[in-house]
Amino acid sequence: MGKVLAAIGVICMLSGAVRAEETQKQKDIRKLLKITGSGELGTQVMSQMIGSMKKAMPNVPDKFWGDFMKEVRTEELIDLIVPVYDRNLAPDDIKELIHFYESPTGKKFVSVLPKITQESMVVGEKWGRELAERVIKKLNAPAEADKKAGAKK
């Protein structure tokens, strides 16, 4: 038991040391992600996706989906996103984004972003269904034409 606790302690110290070595840019990225509510937005998107997945996979028990959502940790998502921002944005970009999101317009945008995301997903799903129906219709068109041609003979 003592060895397990010691190992957990070492892991906690190492993860703290890794976090302590973050650059100012990475700290600013975390601030930006917090200001924009990126982790919470990711959780919202995941929840909406699960709604769609439940419909697509009705045989999967509800308990699975509940347990799945219990495992969602916004901090894990943030840890995965920080390097992406770090690779693609310069330190000054991050600072300017923070400045924008701390402005009245930026704050308003963050407040309406969940609603925009939700409505956009609904529109996107509808668009995807309609697109699939059009493609299926085009794929079936030659077969329908062949049937009609065969019926005329």
N, C-alpha and C. Protein backbone atom coordinates (compact mmCIF):
# COMPACT_ATOMS: atom_id res chain seq x y z
N MET A 1 0.83 -1.19 0.00
CA MET A 1 0.00 0.00 0.00
C MET A 1 0.87 1.25 0.00
N GLY A 2 1.92 1.22 0.80
CA GLY A 2 2.81 2.37 0.90
C GLY A 2 3.51 2.66 -0.43
N LYS A 3 3.87 1.58 -1.16
CA LYS A 3 4.52 1.76 -2.46
C LYS A 3 3.57 2.39 -3.47
N VAL A 4 2.30 2.00 -3.42
CA VAL A 4 1.31 2.56 -4.33
C VAL A 4 1.14 4.05 -4.06
N LEU A 5 1.02 4.42 -2.78
CA LEU A 5 0.88 5.84 -2.42
C LEU A 5 2.12 6.63 -2.84
N ALA A 6 3.29 6.04 -2.65
CA ALA A 6 4.52 6.71 -3.05
C ALA A 6 4.55 6.92 -4.56
N ALA A 7 4.14 5.90 -5.31
CA ALA A 7 4.11 6.02 -6.77
C ALA A 7 3.14 7.11 -7.20
N ILE A 8 1.97 7.16 -6.57
CA ILE A 8 0.98 8.20 -6.90
C ILE A 8 1.57 9.57 -6.59
N GLY A 9 2.26 9.67 -5.47
CA GLY A 9 2.89 10.95 -5.09
C GLY A 9 3.92 11.39 -6.11
N VAL A 10 4.75 10.45 -6.58
CA VAL A 10 5.77 10.78 -7.59
C VAL A 10 5.10 11.24 -8.89
N ILE A 11 4.05 10.54 -9.29
CA ILE A 11 3.33 10.91 -10.51
C ILE A 11 2.75 12.31 -10.37
N CYS A 12 2.15 12.61 -9.23
CA CYS A 12 1.58 13.94 -9.00
C CYS A 12 2.66 15.01 -9.04
N MET A 13 3.83 14.72 -8.43
CA MET A 13 4.92 15.69 -8.45
C MET A 13 5.42 15.92 -9.86
N LEU A 14 5.57 14.83 -10.64
CA LEU A 14 6.05 14.96 -12.01
C LEU A 14 5.07 15.73 -12.87
N SER A 15 3.78 15.44 -12.73
CA SER A 15 2.80 16.17 -13.54
C SER A 15 2.79 17.63 -13.14
N GLY A 16 2.99 17.92 -11.86
CA GLY A 16 3.08 19.30 -11.42
C GLY A 16 4.32 19.98 -11.97
N ALA A 17 5.41 19.23 -12.04
CA ALA A 17 6.65 19.78 -12.58
C ALA A 17 6.50 20.09 -14.06
N VAL A 18 5.83 19.20 -14.78
CA VAL A 18 5.61 19.44 -16.21
C VAL A 18 4.79 20.71 -16.39
N ARG A 19 3.72 20.85 -15.61
CA ARG A 19 2.86 22.03 -15.70
C ARG A 19 3.66 23.28 -15.31
N ALA A 20 4.57 23.15 -14.31
CA ALA A 20 5.35 24.29 -13.85
C ALA A 20 6.30 24.78 -14.94
N GLU A 21 6.66 23.89 -15.86
CA GLU A 21 7.59 24.27 -16.92
C GLU A 21 6.88 24.91 -18.12
N GLU A 22 5.59 25.14 -17.99
CA GLU A 22 4.88 25.77 -19.10
C GLU A 22 5.47 27.14 -19.40
N THR A 23 5.48 27.45 -20.67
CA THR A 23 5.95 28.76 -21.07
C THR A 23 4.86 29.79 -20.79
N GLN A 24 5.21 31.06 -20.83
CA GLN A 24 4.21 32.11 -20.66
C GLN A 24 3.16 32.01 -21.77
N LYS A 25 3.60 31.66 -22.96
CA LYS A 25 2.66 31.51 -24.07
C LYS A 25 1.63 30.43 -23.75
N GLN A 26 2.08 29.31 -23.23
CA GLN A 26 1.15 28.22 -22.89
C GLN A 26 0.20 28.63 -21.76
N LYS A 27 0.70 29.39 -20.81
CA LYS A 27 -0.16 29.91 -19.74
C LYS A 27 -1.21 30.86 -20.34
N ASP A 28 -0.78 31.68 -21.29
CA ASP A 28 -1.72 32.59 -21.95
C ASP A 28 -2.76 31.80 -22.75
N ILE A 29 -2.33 30.72 -23.37
CA ILE A 29 -3.27 29.88 -24.13
C ILE A 29 -4.33 29.32 -23.17
N ARG A 30 -3.90 28.84 -22.02
CA ARG A 30 -4.85 28.33 -21.02
C ARG A 30 -5.82 29.43 -20.59
N LYS A 31 -5.30 30.64 -20.43
CA LYS A 31 -6.16 31.77 -20.06
C LYS A 31 -7.18 32.02 -21.17
N LEU A 32 -6.72 32.02 -22.41
CA LEU A 32 -7.60 32.23 -23.55
C LEU A 32 -8.69 31.14 -23.61
N LEU A 33 -8.29 29.90 -23.43
CA LEU A 33 -9.26 28.80 -23.47
C LEU A 33 -10.27 28.90 -22.34
N LYS A 34 -9.82 29.39 -21.19
CA LYS A 34 -10.74 29.58 -20.06
C LYS A 34 -11.71 30.72 -20.36
N ILE A 35 -11.19 31.83 -20.86
CA ILE A 35 -12.04 32.99 -21.18
C ILE A 35 -13.10 32.62 -22.22
N THR A 36 -12.70 31.83 -23.20
CA THR A 36 -13.63 31.47 -24.28
C THR A 36 -14.55 30.31 -23.91
N GLY A 37 -14.29 29.66 -22.78
CA GLY A 37 -15.12 28.54 -22.38
C GLY A 37 -14.94 27.33 -23.29
N SER A 38 -13.76 27.18 -23.85
CA SER A 38 -13.51 26.11 -24.82
C SER A 38 -13.76 24.72 -24.25
N GLY A 39 -13.35 24.48 -23.02
CA GLY A 39 -13.56 23.17 -22.42
C GLY A 39 -15.04 22.85 -22.27
N GLU A 40 -15.79 23.83 -21.78
CA GLU A 40 -17.23 23.64 -21.60
C GLU A 40 -17.92 23.47 -22.94
N LEU A 41 -17.46 24.23 -23.94
CA LEU A 41 -18.04 24.11 -25.27
C LEU A 41 -17.77 22.72 -25.84
N GLY A 42 -16.57 22.21 -25.59
CA GLY A 42 -16.24 20.85 -26.03
C GLY A 42 -17.15 19.82 -25.39
N THR A 43 -17.45 20.01 -24.11
CA THR A 43 -18.37 19.11 -23.41
C THR A 43 -19.77 19.21 -24.00
N GLN A 44 -20.20 20.43 -24.32
CA GLN A 44 -21.52 20.62 -24.93
C GLN A 44 -21.59 19.91 -26.27
N VAL A 45 -20.58 20.07 -27.08
CA VAL A 45 -20.56 19.43 -28.40
C VAL A 45 -20.58 17.91 -28.23
N MET A 46 -19.81 17.40 -27.27
CA MET A 46 -19.78 15.96 -27.02
C MET A 46 -21.17 15.47 -26.62
N SER A 47 -21.84 16.22 -25.78
CA SER A 47 -23.18 15.84 -25.34
C SER A 47 -24.15 15.81 -26.52
N GLN A 48 -24.06 16.79 -27.40
CA GLN A 48 -24.92 16.82 -28.57
C GLN A 48 -24.60 15.68 -29.53
N MET A 49 -23.33 15.37 -29.67
CA MET A 49 -22.94 14.26 -30.54
C MET A 49 -23.48 12.94 -29.99
N ILE A 50 -23.47 12.81 -28.68
CA ILE A 50 -23.99 11.58 -28.07
C ILE A 50 -25.47 11.45 -28.37
N GLY A 51 -26.20 12.58 -28.37
CA GLY A 51 -27.61 12.53 -28.74
C GLY A 51 -27.80 11.94 -30.12
N SER A 52 -26.97 12.36 -31.06
CA SER A 52 -27.03 11.82 -32.42
C SER A 52 -26.60 10.36 -32.46
N MET A 53 -25.57 10.03 -31.69
CA MET A 53 -25.07 8.66 -31.68
C MET A 53 -26.09 7.70 -31.07
N LYS A 54 -26.84 8.18 -30.07
CA LYS A 54 -27.88 7.34 -29.47
C LYS A 54 -28.91 6.93 -30.52
N LYS A 55 -29.28 7.89 -31.38
CA LYS A 55 -30.25 7.61 -32.44
C LYS A 55 -29.68 6.62 -33.45
N ALA A 56 -28.39 6.79 -33.77
CA ALA A 56 -27.75 5.92 -34.75
C ALA A 56 -27.47 4.53 -34.20
N MET A 57 -27.30 4.42 -32.88
CA MET A 57 -26.99 3.14 -32.24
C MET A 57 -27.98 2.87 -31.11
N PRO A 58 -29.24 2.60 -31.45
CA PRO A 58 -30.26 2.42 -30.41
C PRO A 58 -30.06 1.20 -29.52
N ASN A 59 -29.22 0.26 -29.93
CA ASN A 59 -28.99 -0.94 -29.12
C ASN A 59 -28.01 -0.71 -27.98
N VAL A 60 -27.31 0.43 -28.00
CA VAL A 60 -26.36 0.73 -26.93
C VAL A 60 -27.16 1.20 -25.71
N PRO A 61 -26.94 0.58 -24.56
CA PRO A 61 -27.72 0.95 -23.36
C PRO A 61 -27.45 2.39 -22.91
N ASP A 62 -28.49 3.02 -22.35
CA ASP A 62 -28.37 4.39 -21.85
C ASP A 62 -27.28 4.52 -20.79
N LYS A 63 -27.09 3.46 -20.01
CA LYS A 63 -26.05 3.49 -18.97
C LYS A 63 -24.68 3.76 -19.58
N PHE A 64 -24.42 3.18 -20.75
CA PHE A 64 -23.12 3.43 -21.41
C PHE A 64 -22.93 4.92 -21.66
N TRP A 65 -23.98 5.56 -22.23
CA TRP A 65 -23.86 6.98 -22.56
C TRP A 65 -23.71 7.83 -21.30
N GLY A 66 -24.42 7.46 -20.25
CA GLY A 66 -24.29 8.18 -18.98
C GLY A 66 -22.88 8.04 -18.41
N ASP A 67 -22.37 6.80 -18.43
CA ASP A 67 -21.01 6.56 -17.95
C ASP A 67 -19.98 7.28 -18.82
N PHE A 68 -20.24 7.31 -20.11
CA PHE A 68 -19.34 7.99 -21.05
C PHE A 68 -19.22 9.47 -20.67
N MET A 69 -20.37 10.12 -20.46
CA MET A 69 -20.36 11.55 -20.13
C MET A 69 -19.72 11.82 -18.77
N LYS A 70 -19.83 10.86 -17.84
CA LYS A 70 -19.18 11.03 -16.54
C LYS A 70 -17.66 11.05 -16.68
N GLU A 71 -17.15 10.42 -17.72
CA GLU A 71 -15.71 10.36 -17.95
C GLU A 71 -15.16 11.60 -18.66
N VAL A 72 -16.04 12.44 -19.18
CA VAL A 72 -15.60 13.64 -19.90
C VAL A 72 -15.00 14.62 -18.90
N ARG A 73 -13.76 14.98 -19.12
CA ARG A 73 -13.04 15.92 -18.25
C ARG A 73 -12.57 17.09 -19.11
N THR A 74 -13.10 18.26 -18.84
CA THR A 74 -12.73 19.42 -19.65
C THR A 74 -11.23 19.72 -19.56
N GLU A 75 -10.63 19.48 -18.40
CA GLU A 75 -9.20 19.77 -18.25
C GLU A 75 -8.37 18.87 -19.18
N GLU A 76 -8.79 17.64 -19.39
CA GLU A 76 -8.09 16.75 -20.32
C GLU A 76 -8.15 17.32 -21.73
N LEU A 77 -9.31 17.82 -22.11
CA LEU A 77 -9.47 18.41 -23.43
C LEU A 77 -8.57 19.63 -23.57
N ILE A 78 -8.56 20.47 -22.55
CA ILE A 78 -7.70 21.67 -22.57
C ILE A 78 -6.24 21.26 -22.73
N ASP A 79 -5.81 20.24 -21.98
CA ASP A 79 -4.41 19.78 -22.08
C ASP A 79 -4.07 19.34 -23.50
N LEU A 80 -5.06 18.78 -24.21
CA LEU A 80 -4.82 18.33 -25.59
C LEU A 80 -4.85 19.50 -26.57
N ILE A 81 -5.61 20.54 -26.27
CA ILE A 81 -5.76 21.67 -27.17
C ILE A 81 -4.60 22.66 -27.07
N VAL A 82 -4.02 22.82 -25.88
CA VAL A 82 -2.94 23.80 -25.69
C VAL A 82 -1.83 23.64 -26.72
N PRO A 83 -1.31 22.42 -26.96
CA PRO A 83 -0.24 22.28 -27.95
C PRO A 83 -0.68 22.67 -29.38
N VAL A 84 -1.95 22.47 -29.69
CA VAL A 84 -2.45 22.83 -31.02
C VAL A 84 -2.38 24.36 -31.20
N TYR A 85 -2.86 25.09 -30.21
CA TYR A 85 -2.78 26.55 -30.25
C TYR A 85 -1.31 26.98 -30.27
N ASP A 86 -0.49 26.32 -29.46
CA ASP A 86 0.92 26.67 -29.35
C ASP A 86 1.63 26.54 -30.70
N ARG A 87 1.29 25.49 -31.45
CA ARG A 87 1.93 25.28 -32.76
C ARG A 87 1.44 26.27 -33.82
N ASN A 88 0.22 26.74 -33.69
CA ASN A 88 -0.39 27.50 -34.78
C ASN A 88 -0.52 29.00 -34.56
N LEU A 89 -0.26 29.45 -33.36
CA LEU A 89 -0.40 30.88 -33.07
C LEU A 89 0.85 31.41 -32.39
N ALA A 90 1.20 32.64 -32.73
CA ALA A 90 2.34 33.30 -32.11
C ALA A 90 1.91 33.88 -30.76
N PRO A 91 2.87 34.14 -29.87
CA PRO A 91 2.52 34.72 -28.57
C PRO A 91 1.68 36.00 -28.68
N ASP A 92 2.02 36.85 -29.64
CA ASP A 92 1.25 38.09 -29.80
C ASP A 92 -0.18 37.81 -30.27
N ASP A 93 -0.36 36.77 -31.08
CA ASP A 93 -1.71 36.39 -31.50
C ASP A 93 -2.56 36.04 -30.28
N ILE A 94 -1.98 35.26 -29.38
CA ILE A 94 -2.69 34.83 -28.18
C ILE A 94 -3.06 36.05 -27.34
N LYS A 95 -2.11 36.95 -27.16
CA LYS A 95 -2.37 38.15 -26.35
C LYS A 95 -3.48 39.00 -26.97
N GLU A 96 -3.47 39.14 -28.30
CA GLU A 96 -4.51 39.92 -28.97
C GLU A 96 -5.88 39.24 -28.85
N LEU A 97 -5.90 37.92 -28.93
CA LEU A 97 -7.16 37.19 -28.77
C LEU A 97 -7.70 37.35 -27.35
N ILE A 98 -6.81 37.29 -26.36
CA ILE A 98 -7.24 37.51 -24.97
C ILE A 98 -7.83 38.91 -24.85
N HIS A 99 -7.15 39.89 -25.42
CA HIS A 99 -7.64 41.27 -25.38
C HIS A 99 -9.04 41.36 -26.00
N PHE A 100 -9.23 40.70 -27.15
CA PHE A 100 -10.54 40.72 -27.80
C PHE A 100 -11.60 40.07 -26.91
N TYR A 101 -11.31 38.87 -26.41
CA TYR A 101 -12.31 38.14 -25.64
C TYR A 101 -12.60 38.77 -24.28
N GLU A 102 -11.73 39.66 -23.83
CA GLU A 102 -12.01 40.41 -22.60
C GLU A 102 -12.79 41.69 -22.89
N SER A 103 -12.95 42.03 -24.18
CA SER A 103 -13.72 43.22 -24.57
C SER A 103 -15.22 42.91 -24.50
N PRO A 104 -16.06 43.95 -24.50
CA PRO A 104 -17.51 43.70 -24.47
C PRO A 104 -17.99 42.83 -25.64
N THR A 105 -17.47 43.07 -26.84
CA THR A 105 -17.86 42.26 -28.00
C THR A 105 -17.40 40.82 -27.84
N GLY A 106 -16.19 40.63 -27.37
CA GLY A 106 -15.68 39.28 -27.14
C GLY A 106 -16.48 38.54 -26.10
N LYS A 107 -16.84 39.23 -25.01
CA LYS A 107 -17.64 38.61 -23.95
C LYS A 107 -19.02 38.23 -24.48
N LYS A 108 -19.60 39.10 -25.31
CA LYS A 108 -20.91 38.78 -25.89
C LYS A 108 -20.79 37.55 -26.79
N PHE A 109 -19.75 37.52 -27.61
CA PHE A 109 -19.55 36.39 -28.50
C PHE A 109 -19.45 35.08 -27.72
N VAL A 110 -18.67 35.09 -26.64
CA VAL A 110 -18.53 33.90 -25.81
C VAL A 110 -19.88 33.50 -25.22
N SER A 111 -20.68 34.49 -24.84
CA SER A 111 -21.97 34.15 -24.22
C SER A 111 -22.96 33.54 -25.20
N VAL A 112 -22.87 33.91 -26.48
CA VAL A 112 -23.81 33.35 -27.47
C VAL A 112 -23.22 32.16 -28.24
N LEU A 113 -21.94 31.89 -28.07
CA LEU A 113 -21.29 30.81 -28.82
C LEU A 113 -21.93 29.44 -28.58
N PRO A 114 -22.30 29.08 -27.36
CA PRO A 114 -22.96 27.78 -27.19
C PRO A 114 -24.25 27.66 -28.00
N LYS A 115 -25.04 28.72 -28.04
CA LYS A 115 -26.28 28.71 -28.81
C LYS A 115 -25.97 28.63 -30.31
N ILE A 116 -24.98 29.39 -30.75
CA ILE A 116 -24.57 29.35 -32.15
C ILE A 116 -24.10 27.94 -32.51
N THR A 117 -23.31 27.34 -31.64
CA THR A 117 -22.80 25.99 -31.89
C THR A 117 -23.95 24.99 -31.97
N GLN A 118 -24.88 25.07 -31.03
CA GLN A 118 -26.01 24.14 -31.02
C GLN A 118 -26.84 24.29 -32.30
N GLU A 119 -27.17 25.52 -32.65
CA GLU A 119 -27.98 25.74 -33.86
C GLU A 119 -27.21 25.33 -35.11
N SER A 120 -25.92 25.57 -35.13
CA SER A 120 -25.10 25.19 -36.28
C SER A 120 -25.04 23.68 -36.45
N MET A 121 -24.99 22.96 -35.33
CA MET A 121 -24.97 21.49 -35.42
C MET A 121 -26.28 20.97 -35.98
N VAL A 122 -27.39 21.56 -35.58
CA VAL A 122 -28.69 21.14 -36.11
C VAL A 122 -28.74 21.39 -37.61
N VAL A 123 -28.32 22.59 -38.02
CA VAL A 123 -28.31 22.95 -39.44
C VAL A 123 -27.36 22.02 -40.20
N GLY A 124 -26.19 21.75 -39.61
CA GLY A 124 -25.21 20.87 -40.26
C GLY A 124 -25.72 19.44 -40.44
N GLU A 125 -26.42 18.94 -39.43
CA GLU A 125 -26.99 17.59 -39.55
C GLU A 125 -28.02 17.54 -40.67
N LYS A 126 -28.88 18.55 -40.73
CA LYS A 126 -29.91 18.62 -41.77
C LYS A 126 -29.25 18.70 -43.15
N TRP A 127 -28.25 19.54 -43.27
CA TRP A 127 -27.52 19.71 -44.52
C TRP A 127 -26.89 18.38 -44.93
N GLY A 128 -26.26 17.68 -43.99
CA GLY A 128 -25.63 16.40 -44.28
C GLY A 128 -26.64 15.35 -44.75
N ARG A 129 -27.81 15.30 -44.09
CA ARG A 129 -28.86 14.36 -44.50
C ARG A 129 -29.33 14.66 -45.92
N GLU A 130 -29.60 15.95 -46.19
CA GLU A 130 -30.09 16.33 -47.52
C GLU A 130 -29.05 16.04 -48.59
N LEU A 131 -27.79 16.29 -48.28
CA LEU A 131 -26.71 16.00 -49.21
C LEU A 131 -26.64 14.50 -49.50
N ALA A 132 -26.73 13.69 -48.45
CA ALA A 132 -26.69 12.24 -48.63
C ALA A 132 -27.87 11.77 -49.47
N GLU A 133 -29.05 12.34 -49.23
CA GLU A 133 -30.24 11.95 -50.01
C GLU A 133 -30.05 12.29 -51.49
N ARG A 134 -29.46 13.46 -51.78
CA ARG A 134 -29.23 13.84 -53.18
C ARG A 134 -28.25 12.89 -53.85
N VAL A 135 -27.19 12.54 -53.15
CA VAL A 135 -26.18 11.65 -53.72
C VAL A 135 -26.78 10.26 -53.95
N ILE A 136 -27.55 9.76 -52.98
CA ILE A 136 -28.20 8.45 -53.13
C ILE A 136 -29.15 8.48 -54.32
N LYS A 137 -29.89 9.56 -54.47
CA LYS A 137 -30.82 9.70 -55.59
C LYS A 137 -30.06 9.65 -56.92
N LYS A 138 -28.92 10.34 -56.99
CA LYS A 138 -28.12 10.33 -58.22
C LYS A 138 -27.56 8.93 -58.49
N LEU A 139 -27.13 8.26 -57.42
CA LEU A 139 -26.58 6.91 -57.60
C LEU A 139 -27.65 5.94 -58.07
N ASN A 140 -28.87 6.12 -57.61
CA ASN A 140 -29.97 5.24 -58.00
C ASN A 140 -30.57 5.61 -59.35
N ALA A 141 -30.30 6.80 -59.86
CA ALA A 141 -30.89 7.26 -61.12
C ALA A 141 -30.56 6.33 -62.29
N PRO A 142 -29.31 5.89 -62.48
CA PRO A 142 -29.03 4.97 -63.60
C PRO A 142 -29.80 3.66 -63.49
N ALA A 143 -29.94 3.15 -62.29
CA ALA A 143 -30.67 1.89 -62.09
C ALA A 143 -32.14 2.09 -62.44
N GLU A 144 -32.71 3.22 -62.06
CA GLU A 144 -34.11 3.52 -62.38
C GLU A 144 -34.28 3.67 -63.89
N ALA A 145 -33.31 4.31 -64.53
CA ALA A 145 -33.38 4.49 -66.00
C ALA A 145 -33.30 3.13 -66.70
N ASP A 146 -32.44 2.24 -66.19
CA ASP A 146 -32.33 0.89 -66.76
C ASP A 146 -33.62 0.12 -66.62
N LYS A 147 -34.29 0.26 -65.46
CA LYS A 147 -35.56 -0.43 -65.23
C LYS A 147 -36.60 0.07 -66.21
N LYS A 148 -36.66 1.39 -66.42
CA LYS A 148 -37.64 1.98 -67.35
C LYS A 148 -37.38 1.53 -68.78
N ALA A 149 -36.09 1.50 -69.14
CA ALA A 149 -35.72 1.08 -70.49
C ALA A 149 -36.09 -0.40 -70.71
N GLY A 150 -35.88 -1.22 -69.71
CA GLY A 150 -36.23 -2.63 -69.81
C GLY A 150 -37.74 -2.84 -69.89
N ALA A 151 -38.50 -2.01 -69.23
CA ALA A 151 -39.96 -2.13 -69.23
C ALA A 151 -40.55 -1.75 -70.59
N LYS A 152 -39.87 -0.84 -71.33
CA LYS A 152 -40.36 -0.40 -72.64
C LYS A 152 -40.18 -1.49 -73.70
N LYS A 153 -39.23 -2.38 -73.52
CA LYS A 153 -38.93 -3.41 -74.53
C LYS A 153 -39.92 -4.47 -74.52
